[in-house]
Amino acid sequence: MRRSFRYIAAVIALLVTQIALAGPLITVYKTPNCGCCVKWVEYLRKEGFEVKAINRDDLAPIKQRAGVPQPMSACHTALVDGYVIEGHVPVQAIRKLLRERPNTLGLAVPGMPANSPGMGEMDGSLKTYTIEGKIYSTN
């Protein structure tokens, strides 16, 4: 009896740890043939997020409902825990957003900048990239 209890307790502890380590569900709306969107989804999963990828031929209604301003538009739109993630946003920025919970719509990386997550190397070598004069760091 005592062994069974320890076994059950160990399994429960393992499950709780796995749940705590996993990121929240991110729903990504993307077009069916976008290769960089697929890479960004893979990047999120590699970083521990659970991702639900939904293909849509027209993302404009999704972006409009989410409140994404046209100048901030990118190739995919994601929703996570009440926030909008537009484009190739690094996971460090997403985690900071979810941890600090600022009063904002979300995060955006407009366009498809070279060396951003999903647009560059996914081996962990990506450190920084420049967008419209601002430096976004993945450190």
C-alpha atoms as a PDB file:
ATOM      1  CA  MET A   1       0.000   0.000   0.000  1.00  0.00           C
ATOM      2  CA  ARG A   2       2.784   2.373   0.921  1.00  0.00           C
ATOM      3  CA  ARG A   3       4.596   1.719  -2.381  1.00  0.00           C
ATOM      4  CA  SER A   4       1.429   2.417  -4.369  1.00  0.00           C
ATOM      5  CA  PHE A   5       0.956   5.733  -2.575  1.00  0.00           C
ATOM      6  CA  ARG A   6       4.568   6.766  -3.281  1.00  0.00           C
ATOM      7  CA  TYR A   7       4.201   5.774  -6.921  1.00  0.00           C
ATOM      8  CA  ILE A   8       0.978   7.771  -7.311  1.00  0.00           C
ATOM      9  CA  ALA A   9       2.543  10.757  -5.516  1.00  0.00           C
ATOM     10  CA  ALA A  10       5.577  10.608  -7.823  1.00  0.00           C
ATOM     11  CA  VAL A  11       3.397  10.485 -10.944  1.00  0.00           C
ATOM     12  CA  ILE A  12       1.328  13.435  -9.728  1.00  0.00           C
ATOM     13  CA  ALA A  13       4.487  15.420  -8.938  1.00  0.00           C
ATOM     14  CA  LEU A  14       5.842  14.690 -12.407  1.00  0.00           C
ATOM     15  CA  LEU A  15       2.611  15.802 -14.083  1.00  0.00           C
ATOM     16  CA  VAL A  16       2.473  19.020 -12.037  1.00  0.00           C
ATOM     17  CA  THR A  17       6.088  19.780 -12.962  1.00  0.00           C
ATOM     18  CA  GLN A  18       5.407  19.198 -16.664  1.00  0.00           C
ATOM     19  CA  ILE A  19       2.349  21.447 -16.546  1.00  0.00           C
ATOM     20  CA  ALA A  20       4.313  24.179 -14.751  1.00  0.00           C
ATOM     21  CA  LEU A  21       7.139  24.028 -17.301  1.00  0.00           C
ATOM     22  CA  ALA A  22       4.846  24.128 -20.311  1.00  0.00           C
ATOM     23  CA  GLY A  23       3.863  27.493 -21.648  1.00  0.00           C
ATOM     24  CA  PRO A  24       0.217  28.392 -22.060  1.00  0.00           C
ATOM     25  CA  LEU A  25      -1.661  27.487 -25.213  1.00  0.00           C
ATOM     26  CA  ILE A  26      -0.871  29.809 -28.121  1.00  0.00           C
ATOM     27  CA  THR A  27      -3.328  29.782 -31.007  1.00  0.00           C
ATOM     28  CA  VAL A  28      -1.560  30.775 -34.220  1.00  0.00           C
ATOM     29  CA  TYR A  29      -3.547  31.861 -37.273  1.00  0.00           C
ATOM     30  CA  LYS A  30      -1.506  31.517 -40.450  1.00  0.00           C
ATOM     31  CA  THR A  31      -1.913  30.945 -44.153  1.00  0.00           C
ATOM     32  CA  PRO A  32      -1.594  27.338 -45.347  1.00  0.00           C
ATOM     33  CA  ASN A  33       1.572  27.818 -47.426  1.00  0.00           C
ATOM     34  CA  CYS A  34       3.666  30.106 -45.227  1.00  0.00           C
ATOM     35  CA  GLY A  35       6.972  28.352 -44.485  1.00  0.00           C
ATOM     36  CA  CYS A  36       8.220  30.927 -41.974  1.00  0.00           C
ATOM     37  CA  CYS A  37       4.963  30.633 -40.029  1.00  0.00           C
ATOM     38  CA  VAL A  38       5.539  26.887 -39.757  1.00  0.00           C
ATOM     39  CA  LYS A  39       9.077  27.574 -38.522  1.00  0.00           C
ATOM     40  CA  TRP A  40       7.790  30.046 -35.910  1.00  0.00           C
ATOM     41  CA  VAL A  41       5.279  27.451 -34.662  1.00  0.00           C
ATOM     42  CA  GLU A  42       8.123  24.875 -34.439  1.00  0.00           C
ATOM     43  CA  TYR A  43      10.226  27.437 -32.549  1.00  0.00           C
ATOM     44  CA  LEU A  44       7.417  28.024 -30.017  1.00  0.00           C
ATOM     45  CA  ARG A  45       6.987  24.285 -29.481  1.00  0.00           C
ATOM     46  CA  LYS A  46      10.735  23.801 -29.085  1.00  0.00           C
ATOM     47  CA  GLU A  47      10.620  26.496 -26.394  1.00  0.00           C
ATOM     48  CA  GLY A  48       7.922  24.618 -24.460  1.00  0.00           C
ATOM     49  CA  PHE A  49       4.700  26.269 -25.596  1.00  0.00           C
ATOM     50  CA  GLU A  50       1.648  24.289 -26.580  1.00  0.00           C
ATOM     51  CA  VAL A  51       0.610  25.564 -30.012  1.00  0.00           C
ATOM     52  CA  LYS A  52      -2.609  25.200 -31.933  1.00  0.00           C
ATOM     53  CA  ALA A  53      -1.958  26.257 -35.540  1.00  0.00           C
ATOM     54  CA  ILE A  54      -5.005  27.173 -37.605  1.00  0.00           C
ATOM     55  CA  ASN A  55      -4.756  27.704 -41.355  1.00  0.00           C
ATOM     56  CA  ARG A  56      -6.838  30.475 -42.915  1.00  0.00           C
ATOM     57  CA  ASP A  57      -6.716  31.758 -46.467  1.00  0.00           C
ATOM     58  CA  ASP A  58      -7.607  35.272 -45.292  1.00  0.00           C
ATOM     59  CA  LEU A  59      -6.132  36.550 -42.018  1.00  0.00           C
ATOM     60  CA  ALA A  60      -7.591  40.075 -42.293  1.00  0.00           C
ATOM     61  CA  PRO A  61     -10.743  39.268 -40.267  1.00  0.00           C
ATOM     62  CA  ILE A  62      -8.623  37.650 -37.507  1.00  0.00           C
ATOM     63  CA  LYS A  63      -6.299  40.666 -37.351  1.00  0.00           C
ATOM     64  CA  GLN A  64      -9.251  43.078 -37.362  1.00  0.00           C
ATOM     65  CA  ARG A  65     -11.049  41.237 -34.520  1.00  0.00           C
ATOM     66  CA  ALA A  66      -7.787  41.092 -32.542  1.00  0.00           C
ATOM     67  CA  GLY A  67      -7.243  44.850 -33.001  1.00  0.00           C
ATOM     68  CA  VAL A  68      -3.946  44.631 -34.894  1.00  0.00           C
ATOM     69  CA  PRO A  69      -3.234  48.027 -36.512  1.00  0.00           C
ATOM     70  CA  GLN A  70      -2.393  47.670 -40.223  1.00  0.00           C
ATOM     71  CA  PRO A  71       1.147  49.123 -39.852  1.00  0.00           C
ATOM     72  CA  MET A  72       1.915  46.425 -37.244  1.00  0.00           C
ATOM     73  CA  SER A  73       0.652  43.583 -39.436  1.00  0.00           C
ATOM     74  CA  ALA A  74       2.802  40.521 -40.100  1.00  0.00           C
ATOM     75  CA  CYS A  75       2.382  37.127 -41.740  1.00  0.00           C
ATOM     76  CA  HIS A  76       0.681  35.438 -38.768  1.00  0.00           C
ATOM     77  CA  THR A  77      -1.366  36.403 -35.721  1.00  0.00           C
ATOM     78  CA  ALA A  78      -1.318  34.518 -32.430  1.00  0.00           C
ATOM     79  CA  LEU A  79      -3.507  34.743 -29.358  1.00  0.00           C
ATOM     80  CA  VAL A  80      -2.270  33.774 -25.907  1.00  0.00           C
ATOM     81  CA  ASP A  81      -3.819  34.350 -22.504  1.00  0.00           C
ATOM     82  CA  GLY A  82      -5.705  37.485 -23.573  1.00  0.00           C
ATOM     83  CA  TYR A  83      -2.853  39.001 -25.612  1.00  0.00           C
ATOM     84  CA  VAL A  84      -2.154  39.309 -29.336  1.00  0.00           C
ATOM     85  CA  ILE A  85       1.246  38.262 -30.671  1.00  0.00           C
ATOM     86  CA  GLU A  86       1.738  39.581 -34.195  1.00  0.00           C
ATOM     87  CA  GLY A  87       4.597  38.257 -36.289  1.00  0.00           C
ATOM     88  CA  HIS A  88       7.959  36.751 -35.410  1.00  0.00           C
ATOM     89  CA  VAL A  89       8.068  37.733 -31.722  1.00  0.00           C
ATOM     90  CA  PRO A  90      10.772  35.959 -29.655  1.00  0.00           C
ATOM     91  CA  VAL A  91       9.611  33.708 -26.812  1.00  0.00           C
ATOM     92  CA  GLN A  92      11.565  35.717 -24.249  1.00  0.00           C
ATOM     93  CA  ALA A  93       9.359  38.720 -25.033  1.00  0.00           C
ATOM     94  CA  ILE A  94       6.206  36.572 -24.878  1.00  0.00           C
ATOM     95  CA  ARG A  95       7.221  35.127 -21.511  1.00  0.00           C
ATOM     96  CA  LYS A  96       7.969  38.609 -20.164  1.00  0.00           C
ATOM     97  CA  LEU A  97       4.558  39.827 -21.380  1.00  0.00           C
ATOM     98  CA  LEU A  98       2.784  36.908 -19.694  1.00  0.00           C
ATOM     99  CA  ARG A  99       4.806  37.280 -16.498  1.00  0.00           C
ATOM    100  CA  GLU A 100       4.410  41.064 -16.124  1.00  0.00           C
ATOM    101  CA  ARG A 101       0.868  41.286 -17.574  1.00  0.00           C
ATOM    102  CA  PRO A 102       1.008  44.928 -18.717  1.00  0.00           C
ATOM    103  CA  ASN A 103      -2.112  46.767 -19.819  1.00  0.00           C
ATOM    104  CA  THR A 104      -1.502  46.388 -23.565  1.00  0.00           C
ATOM    105  CA  LEU A 105      -3.003  44.651 -26.561  1.00  0.00           C
ATOM    106  CA  GLY A 106       0.110  42.545 -27.102  1.00  0.00           C
ATOM    107  CA  LEU A 107       3.412  42.433 -28.973  1.00  0.00           C
ATOM    108  CA  ALA A 108       4.201  42.909 -32.651  1.00  0.00           C
ATOM    109  CA  VAL A 109       7.142  42.433 -34.967  1.00  0.00           C
ATOM    110  CA  PRO A 110       5.828  43.935 -38.214  1.00  0.00           C
ATOM    111  CA  GLY A 111       6.760  42.373 -41.516  1.00  0.00           C
ATOM    112  CA  MET A 112       9.136  39.448 -41.734  1.00  0.00           C
ATOM    113  CA  PRO A 113      12.558  40.682 -40.529  1.00  0.00           C
ATOM    114  CA  ALA A 114      15.623  38.593 -41.294  1.00  0.00           C
ATOM    115  CA  ASN A 115      17.076  36.736 -38.290  1.00  0.00           C
ATOM    116  CA  SER A 116      13.891  36.945 -36.252  1.00  0.00           C
ATOM    117  CA  PRO A 117      12.542  33.643 -34.834  1.00  0.00           C
ATOM    118  CA  GLY A 118      11.253  31.585 -37.744  1.00  0.00           C
ATOM    119  CA  MET A 119      13.160  33.732 -40.218  1.00  0.00           C
ATOM    120  CA  GLY A 120      16.667  32.862 -39.032  1.00  0.00           C
ATOM    121  CA  GLU A 121      18.622  30.065 -37.430  1.00  0.00           C
ATOM    122  CA  MET A 122      16.771  28.040 -34.799  1.00  0.00           C
ATOM    123  CA  ASP A 123      19.858  26.556 -33.167  1.00  0.00           C
ATOM    124  CA  GLY A 124      19.916  29.058 -30.315  1.00  0.00           C
ATOM    125  CA  SER A 125      22.512  31.287 -31.996  1.00  0.00           C
ATOM    126  CA  LEU A 126      20.012  34.096 -32.619  1.00  0.00           C
ATOM    127  CA  LYS A 127      20.822  36.989 -30.294  1.00  0.00           C
ATOM    128  CA  THR A 128      19.432  40.268 -31.656  1.00  0.00           C
ATOM    129  CA  TYR A 129      17.760  41.709 -34.696  1.00  0.00           C
ATOM    130  CA  THR A 130      16.831  45.203 -35.812  1.00  0.00           C
ATOM    131  CA  ILE A 131      13.377  46.419 -36.760  1.00  0.00           C
ATOM    132  CA  GLU A 132      12.650  50.015 -37.724  1.00  0.00           C
ATOM    133  CA  GLY A 133      15.601  51.302 -35.707  1.00  0.00           C
ATOM    134  CA  LYS A 134      14.811  49.342 -32.547  1.00  0.00           C
ATOM    135  CA  ILE A 135      16.819  46.431 -31.211  1.00  0.00           C
ATOM    136  CA  TYR A 136      14.837  43.425 -30.009  1.00  0.00           C
ATOM    137  CA  SER A 137      16.968  41.061 -27.958  1.00  0.00           C
ATOM    138  CA  THR A 138      16.334  37.379 -27.413  1.00  0.00           C
ATOM    139  CA  ASN A 139      18.634  37.314 -24.362  1.00  0.00           C
END
